[in-house]
């Protein structure tokens, strides 16, 4: 009986010890996350006094929630770059596709943790959040920072990897005879080079000394001129059936001439297509008129190999059929570009 009581008391003691331990850990965790009070931390008044400007780039975000404060802090951090770095999001996306597609450098080699795509349009790498503080009014402040040295190393590695791919495409362009493929390889190199220019500009803000140490295996301006030169060798012809007043043809010509391509009666690229417009009565009480459209476009080379294909169908409405049709052409033009 005494042994049973001893074992029972032992179990109760262990149970209460566990409860007390959990309570202490819980309190400690709450104290770490929720820093409230009148004593504002030094980093909030002057981040550079705590995080040396020689080592860090810092910015503070303020909001009602911790997540929103983080987002604002990252956006404020990006403003340091915004005035000096201009990024074309479409070009960046195309560059990522070129450097991660099958047969090219693997995606893992370009994967960098803690990338933040912020409101300003800048995509920054290696953004971290150091500290947070919540005042008596419930406003949360978060400090975002970039470690200059560590982040510079990441940028250097990414620039080096992209440069290897640029050299690869330039080499492919030099070895090709087909004008379309020559242009495609040089243009692929230029797309990645444009992405590299953004990284170089950002690195110049993060660590100018590290940026100066980088030696690129290509000349950006020469590559840009080379792409323009090779584009002139790519000729095209357009034939769109049921193209009222040649509107679709004009749109396509503008797009292709913007690339530097040239029209020809014996083209390397043949653009053929068909557009169908049909009035549709939905019997709406407001009298709105609708038109359906179906656009098919196919691009082939002079050997009849399909280079690209595009199709789009839909429905647009307006107060009358003329305006509905005009809306269709505006939608098509926007999507074509």
Protein backbone atom coordinates (compact mmCIF):
# COMPACT_ATOMS: atom_id res chain seq x y z
CA UNK A 1 0.00 0.00 0.00
CA UNK A 2 2.82 2.43 0.93
CA UNK A 3 4.59 1.60 -2.34
CA UNK A 4 1.40 2.35 -4.26
CA UNK A 5 1.06 5.76 -2.53
CA UNK A 6 4.69 6.57 -3.25
CA UNK A 7 4.26 5.71 -6.93
CA UNK A 8 1.07 7.80 -7.12
CA UNK A 9 2.72 10.80 -5.48
CA UNK A 10 5.70 10.39 -7.83
CA UNK A 11 3.39 10.45 -10.87
CA UNK A 12 1.58 13.55 -9.56
CA UNK A 13 4.92 15.31 -8.96
CA UNK A 14 6.05 14.50 -12.51
CA UNK A 15 2.71 15.72 -13.91
CA UNK A 16 2.98 19.06 -12.10
CA UNK A 17 6.63 19.44 -13.12
CA UNK A 18 5.62 19.00 -16.77
CA UNK A 19 2.80 21.55 -16.40
CA UNK A 20 5.12 24.09 -14.76
CA UNK A 21 7.77 23.56 -17.46
CA UNK A 22 5.22 24.09 -20.25
CA UNK A 23 3.93 27.23 -18.51
CA UNK A 24 7.44 28.68 -18.14
CA UNK A 25 8.33 27.96 -21.79
CA UNK A 26 5.03 29.46 -22.93
CA UNK A 27 5.63 32.64 -20.95
CA UNK A 28 9.18 32.90 -22.25
CA UNK A 29 8.01 32.50 -25.83
CA UNK A 30 5.35 35.17 -25.35
CA UNK A 31 7.87 37.56 -23.90
CA UNK A 32 10.18 37.03 -26.90
CA UNK A 33 7.50 37.67 -29.52
CA UNK A 34 5.49 40.38 -27.80
CA UNK A 35 7.73 43.26 -26.85
CA UNK A 36 5.38 45.92 -25.55
CA UNK A 37 5.92 49.02 -23.54
CA UNK A 38 7.14 52.59 -23.52
CA UNK A 39 10.83 51.71 -23.83
CA UNK A 40 11.33 51.81 -27.58
CA UNK A 41 14.35 49.73 -28.72
CA UNK A 42 17.42 51.48 -30.08
CA UNK A 43 17.04 49.91 -33.54
CA UNK A 44 13.62 51.50 -33.89
CA UNK A 45 14.96 55.00 -33.29
CA UNK A 46 18.16 54.53 -35.30
CA UNK A 47 18.74 51.16 -37.03
CA UNK A 48 22.29 52.10 -38.02
CA UNK A 49 23.28 52.46 -34.38
CA UNK A 50 22.62 48.74 -33.86
CA UNK A 51 23.18 47.38 -37.39
CA UNK A 52 26.29 48.91 -38.86
CA UNK A 53 25.76 50.51 -42.27
CA UNK A 54 29.05 48.96 -43.41
CA UNK A 55 27.62 45.50 -42.78
CA UNK A 56 23.89 45.86 -43.32
CA UNK A 57 21.17 47.54 -45.37
CA UNK A 58 18.15 48.07 -43.11
CA UNK A 59 14.56 49.28 -43.25
CA UNK A 60 11.62 49.34 -40.85
CA UNK A 61 7.98 48.46 -41.51
CA UNK A 62 5.04 49.53 -39.36
CA UNK A 63 1.54 48.01 -39.45
CA UNK A 64 -1.27 46.50 -37.39
CA UNK A 65 -0.05 42.93 -37.92
CA UNK A 66 3.37 41.30 -37.87
CA UNK A 67 3.05 39.93 -41.43
CA UNK A 68 1.97 43.27 -42.86
CA UNK A 69 4.81 45.01 -41.02
CA UNK A 70 7.25 42.52 -42.61
CA UNK A 71 5.86 43.25 -46.07
CA UNK A 72 6.18 46.99 -45.56
CA UNK A 73 9.71 46.61 -44.18
CA UNK A 74 10.71 44.64 -47.29
CA UNK A 75 9.07 47.27 -49.51
CA UNK A 76 10.92 50.04 -47.70
CA UNK A 77 14.18 48.12 -48.07
CA UNK A 78 13.59 47.84 -51.80
CA UNK A 79 13.15 51.61 -52.10
CA UNK A 80 16.90 51.87 -51.56
CA UNK A 81 17.20 50.12 -54.94
CA UNK A 82 14.17 51.58 -56.65
CA UNK A 83 15.77 54.87 -57.68
CA UNK A 84 18.85 53.14 -59.07
CA UNK A 85 17.59 49.87 -60.52
CA UNK A 86 14.91 49.45 -63.17
CA UNK A 87 13.62 45.92 -63.76
CA UNK A 88 11.49 44.60 -66.61
CA UNK A 89 9.38 41.87 -64.97
CA UNK A 90 8.62 40.15 -68.31
CA UNK A 91 12.32 39.99 -69.18
CA UNK A 92 13.17 38.64 -65.73
CA UNK A 93 10.53 35.90 -66.07
CA UNK A 94 11.76 34.92 -69.55
CA UNK A 95 15.33 34.83 -68.27
CA UNK A 96 14.29 32.49 -65.45
CA UNK A 97 12.57 30.21 -67.96
CA UNK A 98 15.68 30.13 -70.15
CA UNK A 99 18.00 29.32 -67.26
CA UNK A 100 15.77 26.65 -65.70
CA UNK A 101 14.37 24.85 -68.75
CA UNK A 102 15.33 21.26 -69.56
CA UNK A 103 18.86 20.98 -70.89
CA UNK A 104 20.09 24.15 -69.26
CA UNK A 105 21.41 24.94 -65.81
CA UNK A 106 19.22 23.25 -63.21
CA UNK A 107 16.76 25.25 -61.16
CA UNK A 108 18.46 24.22 -57.93
CA UNK A 109 21.58 26.16 -58.90
CA UNK A 110 19.51 29.32 -59.10
CA UNK A 111 17.30 28.76 -56.07
CA UNK A 112 17.98 31.34 -53.38
CA UNK A 113 16.06 31.26 -50.12
CA UNK A 114 14.18 34.22 -48.72
CA UNK A 115 13.57 35.96 -52.04
CA UNK A 116 11.10 38.78 -51.57
CA UNK A 117 9.14 40.26 -54.46
CA UNK A 118 8.14 43.59 -53.01
CA UNK A 119 5.69 46.35 -53.88
CA UNK A 120 8.27 48.52 -55.63
CA UNK A 121 8.82 45.90 -58.35
CA UNK A 122 12.27 44.92 -57.12
CA UNK A 123 12.96 41.28 -56.31
CA UNK A 124 15.53 41.19 -53.54
CA UNK A 125 17.45 38.11 -52.43
CA UNK A 126 18.35 37.05 -48.91
CA UNK A 127 16.03 39.49 -47.10
CA UNK A 128 15.86 38.68 -43.38
CA UNK A 129 13.87 40.05 -40.45
CA UNK A 130 15.90 40.75 -37.35
CA UNK A 131 13.60 42.11 -34.67
CA UNK A 132 10.06 43.22 -33.98
CA UNK A 133 8.41 45.48 -31.45
CA UNK A 134 4.76 46.14 -30.57
CA UNK A 135 3.90 49.38 -28.78
CA UNK A 136 1.09 50.00 -26.27
CA UNK A 137 -1.26 50.99 -29.08
CA UNK A 138 -0.83 47.62 -30.78
CA UNK A 139 1.27 48.90 -33.68
CA UNK A 140 3.92 46.41 -34.78
CA UNK A 141 7.35 47.41 -36.07
CA UNK A 142 9.64 44.98 -37.93
CA UNK A 143 13.25 45.46 -39.00
CA UNK A 144 14.21 43.98 -42.39
CA UNK A 145 17.85 43.76 -43.38
CA UNK A 146 20.35 42.49 -45.92
CA UNK A 147 23.74 41.29 -44.75
CA UNK A 148 25.96 42.96 -47.34
CA UNK A 149 28.72 40.34 -47.41
CA UNK A 150 26.53 37.22 -47.40
CA UNK A 151 24.08 38.70 -49.90
CA UNK A 152 26.89 39.84 -52.20
CA UNK A 153 28.17 36.24 -52.31
CA UNK A 154 24.74 35.02 -53.37
CA UNK A 155 24.51 37.67 -56.09
CA UNK A 156 28.00 36.86 -57.36
CA UNK A 157 27.12 33.16 -57.63
CA UNK A 158 23.90 33.90 -59.49
CA UNK A 159 25.59 36.37 -61.87
CA UNK A 160 28.34 33.84 -62.56
CA UNK A 161 25.79 31.10 -63.32
CA UNK A 162 23.83 33.38 -65.65
CA UNK A 163 27.04 34.44 -67.39
CA UNK A 164 27.87 30.82 -68.14
CA UNK A 165 24.48 30.39 -69.76
CA UNK A 166 24.93 33.62 -71.77
CA UNK A 167 28.27 32.34 -73.08
CA UNK A 168 26.61 29.04 -73.97
CA UNK A 169 23.91 30.74 -76.07
CA UNK A 170 26.43 33.04 -77.75
CA UNK A 171 28.52 30.01 -78.70
CA UNK A 172 25.43 28.26 -80.11
CA UNK A 173 24.59 31.37 -82.13
CA UNK A 174 28.07 31.49 -83.64
CA UNK A 175 27.91 27.84 -84.74
CA UNK A 176 24.47 28.08 -86.41
CA UNK A 177 23.76 28.89 -90.06
CA UNK A 178 19.96 29.15 -89.92
CA UNK A 179 19.07 32.86 -89.50
CA UNK A 180 16.09 32.10 -87.27
CA UNK A 181 18.11 29.91 -84.90
CA UNK A 182 21.02 32.37 -84.91
CA UNK A 183 18.69 35.16 -83.80
CA UNK A 184 16.98 32.89 -81.24
CA UNK A 185 20.28 31.96 -79.54
CA UNK A 186 21.66 35.50 -79.45
CA UNK A 187 18.32 36.86 -78.24
CA UNK A 188 18.22 34.22 -75.47
CA UNK A 189 21.67 35.40 -74.40
CA UNK A 190 20.47 39.01 -74.37
CA UNK A 191 17.39 38.22 -72.29
CA UNK A 192 19.54 36.62 -69.58
CA UNK A 193 22.06 39.46 -69.88
CA UNK A 194 19.28 41.98 -69.18
CA UNK A 195 18.42 40.03 -66.05
CA UNK A 196 22.11 40.07 -65.12
CA UNK A 197 22.19 43.86 -65.51
CA UNK A 198 19.51 44.15 -62.83
CA UNK A 199 21.50 41.89 -60.50
CA UNK A 200 24.67 43.89 -61.15
CA UNK A 201 22.89 47.15 -60.39
CA UNK A 202 21.50 45.71 -57.17
CA UNK A 203 24.93 44.38 -56.22
CA UNK A 204 26.36 47.83 -56.81
CA UNK A 205 24.03 49.10 -54.07
CA UNK A 206 24.72 46.17 -51.74
CA UNK A 207 28.49 46.03 -52.15
CA UNK A 208 30.11 48.30 -54.76
CA UNK A 209 33.53 46.74 -54.13
CA UNK A 210 32.27 43.22 -54.93
CA UNK A 211 30.55 44.50 -58.05
CA UNK A 212 33.80 46.06 -59.30
CA UNK A 213 35.56 42.70 -58.93
CA UNK A 214 33.21 40.93 -61.36
CA UNK A 215 34.53 40.31 -64.88
CA UNK A 216 31.85 39.32 -67.38
CA UNK A 217 32.73 37.00 -70.29
CA UNK A 218 30.62 39.15 -72.64
CA UNK A 219 30.00 42.81 -73.49
CA UNK A 220 26.38 43.78 -72.93
CA UNK A 221 26.30 46.67 -75.44
CA UNK A 222 27.98 44.56 -78.12
CA UNK A 223 25.50 41.74 -77.50
CA UNK A 224 22.57 44.14 -77.80
CA UNK A 225 23.90 45.46 -81.13
CA UNK A 226 24.51 41.91 -82.34
CA UNK A 227 20.91 40.90 -81.65
CA UNK A 228 19.63 43.93 -83.59
CA UNK A 229 21.92 43.02 -86.47
CA UNK A 230 20.81 39.37 -86.55
CA UNK A 231 17.13 40.35 -86.36
CA UNK A 232 17.41 42.04 -89.77
CA UNK A 233 18.13 38.64 -91.31
CA UNK A 234 14.78 37.28 -90.10
CA UNK A 235 12.10 38.04 -92.70
CA UNK A 236 8.37 37.43 -92.34
CA UNK A 237 5.10 37.43 -94.26
CA UNK A 238 1.55 37.54 -92.87
CA UNK A 239 -1.71 36.14 -94.22
CA UNK A 240 -4.79 36.30 -91.97
CA UNK A 241 -8.13 35.14 -93.36
CA UNK A 242 -11.31 37.14 -92.62
CA UNK A 243 -9.12 39.94 -91.25
CA UNK A 244 -11.40 42.96 -91.53
CA UNK A 245 -9.44 45.95 -92.87
CA UNK A 246 -6.25 44.02 -92.11
CA UNK A 247 -6.38 44.98 -88.42
CA UNK A 248 -4.85 41.75 -87.09
CA UNK A 249 -2.15 41.86 -89.78
CA UNK A 250 -1.23 45.43 -88.81
CA UNK A 251 -1.00 44.42 -85.13
CA UNK A 252 1.30 41.50 -85.93
CA UNK A 253 3.49 43.59 -88.24
CA UNK A 254 4.02 46.15 -85.46
CA UNK A 255 5.04 43.42 -83.00
CA UNK A 256 7.46 41.72 -85.39
CA UNK A 257 9.05 44.94 -86.67
CA UNK A 258 9.58 45.95 -83.02
CA UNK A 259 11.75 42.84 -82.77
CA UNK A 260 13.72 44.13 -85.74
CA UNK A 261 12.33 41.57 -88.22
CA UNK A 262 11.75 42.62 -91.85
CA UNK A 263 8.78 41.98 -94.18
CA UNK A 264 9.48 40.03 -97.37
CA UNK A 265 7.71 38.33 -100.28
CA UNK A 266 9.98 35.31 -99.71
CA UNK A 267 9.94 35.18 -95.90
CA UNK A 268 11.74 32.87 -93.51
CA UNK A 269 8.80 33.10 -91.12
CA UNK A 270 5.29 32.57 -92.46
CA UNK A 271 2.46 33.79 -90.24
CA UNK A 272 -0.90 32.37 -91.22
CA UNK A 273 -4.18 32.61 -89.40
CA UNK A 274 -7.90 33.03 -89.31
CA UNK A 275 -10.24 35.26 -87.31
CA UNK A 276 -13.95 34.57 -86.94
CA UNK A 277 -16.48 37.04 -85.51
CA UNK A 278 -20.09 36.08 -84.78
CA UNK A 279 -22.94 38.18 -83.41
CA UNK A 280 -24.54 36.61 -80.33
CA UNK A 281 -27.94 37.55 -78.91
CA UNK A 282 -28.21 36.77 -75.21
CA UNK A 283 -31.64 38.49 -74.97
CA UNK A 284 -30.51 40.66 -72.10
CA UNK A 285 -32.98 43.17 -70.73
CA UNK A 286 -30.37 45.94 -70.77
CA UNK A 287 -30.02 45.54 -74.54
CA UNK A 288 -26.28 44.71 -74.37
CA UNK A 289 -24.94 43.25 -77.63
CA UNK A 290 -22.31 40.48 -77.70
CA UNK A 291 -19.92 39.11 -80.27
CA UNK A 292 -17.95 35.89 -80.10
CA UNK A 293 -14.46 35.71 -81.55
CA UNK A 294 -12.08 32.89 -82.44
CA UNK A 295 -8.52 33.75 -83.46
CA UNK A 296 -6.04 31.13 -84.72
CA UNK A 297 -2.45 32.01 -85.66
CA UNK A 298 0.37 29.67 -86.70
CA UNK A 299 3.99 30.60 -87.39
CA UNK A 300 6.15 28.27 -89.51
CA UNK A 301 9.61 28.45 -91.04
CA UNK A 302 10.49 28.09 -94.72
CA UNK A 303 10.69 24.30 -94.24
CA UNK A 304 7.07 24.27 -93.02
CA UNK A 305 8.16 23.46 -89.45
CA UNK A 306 5.79 25.03 -86.91
CA UNK A 307 7.72 27.55 -84.83
CA UNK A 308 4.82 28.78 -82.70
CA UNK A 309 1.02 28.70 -82.54
CA UNK A 310 -1.53 30.93 -80.87
CA UNK A 311 -5.27 30.61 -80.38
CA UNK A 312 -7.77 32.67 -78.47
CA UNK A 313 -11.53 32.67 -78.26
CA UNK A 314 -14.00 34.57 -76.18
CA UNK A 315 -16.91 36.97 -76.07
CA UNK A 316 -17.15 40.73 -75.66
CA UNK A 317 -20.15 42.95 -75.21
CA UNK A 318 -21.19 46.59 -75.53
CA UNK A 319 -24.23 48.74 -76.17
CA UNK A 320 -23.99 47.93 -79.89
CA UNK A 321 -22.22 45.43 -82.18
CA UNK A 322 -19.81 48.02 -83.60
CA UNK A 323 -18.45 48.86 -80.16
CA UNK A 324 -18.40 45.17 -79.17
CA UNK A 325 -16.27 44.42 -82.25
CA UNK A 326 -13.94 47.34 -81.48
CA UNK A 327 -13.54 45.97 -77.97
CA UNK A 328 -12.57 42.55 -79.37
CA UNK A 329 -9.77 44.07 -81.45
CA UNK A 330 -8.50 46.01 -78.43
CA UNK A 331 -8.47 42.81 -76.36
CA UNK A 332 -6.68 40.89 -79.10
CA UNK A 333 -4.09 43.64 -79.56
CA UNK A 334 -3.37 43.72 -75.84
CA UNK A 335 -2.95 39.95 -75.62
CA UNK A 336 -0.88 39.73 -78.76
CA UNK A 337 1.68 42.13 -77.31
